[in-house]
């Protein structure tokens, strides 16, 4: 899936997705033509990040939450 499709599906901007990538929150596959190709797993992760950002959770805390096996437990602490 291309970035424009992800943006319209989630309701976010290309700038936001680029920022998530720059912060190391997502790692997308780059095709031979140089375009990023977002998998279903990438889209799910971006949805989670987008929601957490709407809740005003910091990037540092988002990394911890996403890397945790007990996301609900971590969210209770944050």
Protein backbone atom coordinates (compact mmCIF):
# COMPACT_ATOMS: atom_id res chain seq x y z
CA UNK A 1 0.00 0.00 0.00
CA UNK A 2 1.31 3.46 -0.85
CA UNK A 3 1.60 6.31 1.64
CA UNK A 4 -1.33 8.25 0.18
CA UNK A 5 -3.60 5.22 0.65
CA UNK A 6 -2.41 4.82 4.24
CA UNK A 7 -3.07 8.49 4.95
CA UNK A 8 -6.61 8.36 3.62
CA UNK A 9 -7.38 5.10 5.42
CA UNK A 10 -6.10 6.30 8.80
CA UNK A 11 -6.83 10.00 8.54
CA UNK A 12 -3.27 11.18 9.04
CA UNK A 13 -0.77 13.09 6.92
CA UNK A 14 2.30 12.10 4.94
CA UNK A 15 4.28 14.43 7.17
CA UNK A 16 3.15 12.52 10.27
CA UNK A 17 4.08 9.15 8.77
CA UNK A 18 7.47 10.51 7.70
CA UNK A 19 7.96 11.75 11.27
CA UNK A 20 7.03 8.34 12.72
CA UNK A 21 9.61 6.78 10.44
CA UNK A 22 12.27 9.35 11.36
CA UNK A 23 11.63 8.64 15.06
CA UNK A 24 12.15 4.92 14.47
CA UNK A 25 8.55 4.02 15.27
CA UNK A 26 8.00 2.31 11.90
CA UNK A 27 10.26 0.66 9.35
CA UNK A 28 8.77 0.25 5.91
CA UNK A 29 9.89 -1.78 2.94
CA UNK A 30 11.23 0.26 0.04
CA UNK A 31 10.53 -1.11 -3.44
CA UNK A 32 13.06 -1.08 -6.28
CA UNK A 33 11.41 2.06 -7.66
CA UNK A 34 12.13 3.90 -4.39
CA UNK A 35 8.52 3.97 -3.18
CA UNK A 36 7.69 2.83 0.32
CA UNK A 37 5.35 -0.13 0.42
CA UNK A 38 3.30 -0.33 3.62
CA UNK A 39 2.20 -3.80 4.70
CA UNK A 40 -0.96 -4.52 6.68
CA UNK A 41 1.24 -4.82 9.78
CA UNK A 42 2.73 -1.36 9.06
CA UNK A 43 -0.76 0.13 8.71
CA UNK A 44 -1.86 -1.45 12.00
CA UNK A 45 1.22 -0.06 13.74
CA UNK A 46 0.64 3.41 12.25
CA UNK A 47 -2.97 3.30 13.47
CA UNK A 48 -1.71 2.53 16.99
CA UNK A 49 0.86 5.33 16.84
CA UNK A 50 -1.73 7.77 15.50
CA UNK A 51 -4.12 6.92 18.33
CA UNK A 52 -1.41 7.24 20.98
CA UNK A 53 -0.35 10.62 19.56
CA UNK A 54 -3.98 11.78 19.71
CA UNK A 55 -3.84 10.89 23.41
CA UNK A 56 -0.78 13.18 23.68
CA UNK A 57 1.60 10.34 24.58
CA UNK A 58 5.26 11.11 23.96
CA UNK A 59 7.35 9.39 21.30
CA UNK A 60 9.54 7.86 23.99
CA UNK A 61 6.52 6.34 25.72
CA UNK A 62 5.04 5.19 22.41
CA UNK A 63 8.23 3.23 21.69
CA UNK A 64 7.95 1.54 25.08
CA UNK A 65 4.26 0.75 24.56
CA UNK A 66 4.72 -0.65 21.06
CA UNK A 67 7.69 -2.80 22.06
CA UNK A 68 5.91 -4.22 25.11
CA UNK A 69 4.13 -7.56 25.13
CA UNK A 70 1.76 -6.14 27.78
CA UNK A 71 0.58 -2.92 26.12
CA UNK A 72 -2.37 -2.49 28.47
CA UNK A 73 -0.11 -2.82 31.50
CA UNK A 74 2.31 -0.23 30.17
CA UNK A 75 -0.55 2.13 29.31
CA UNK A 76 -1.73 1.99 32.92
CA UNK A 77 1.69 3.23 34.04
CA UNK A 78 2.00 5.94 31.37
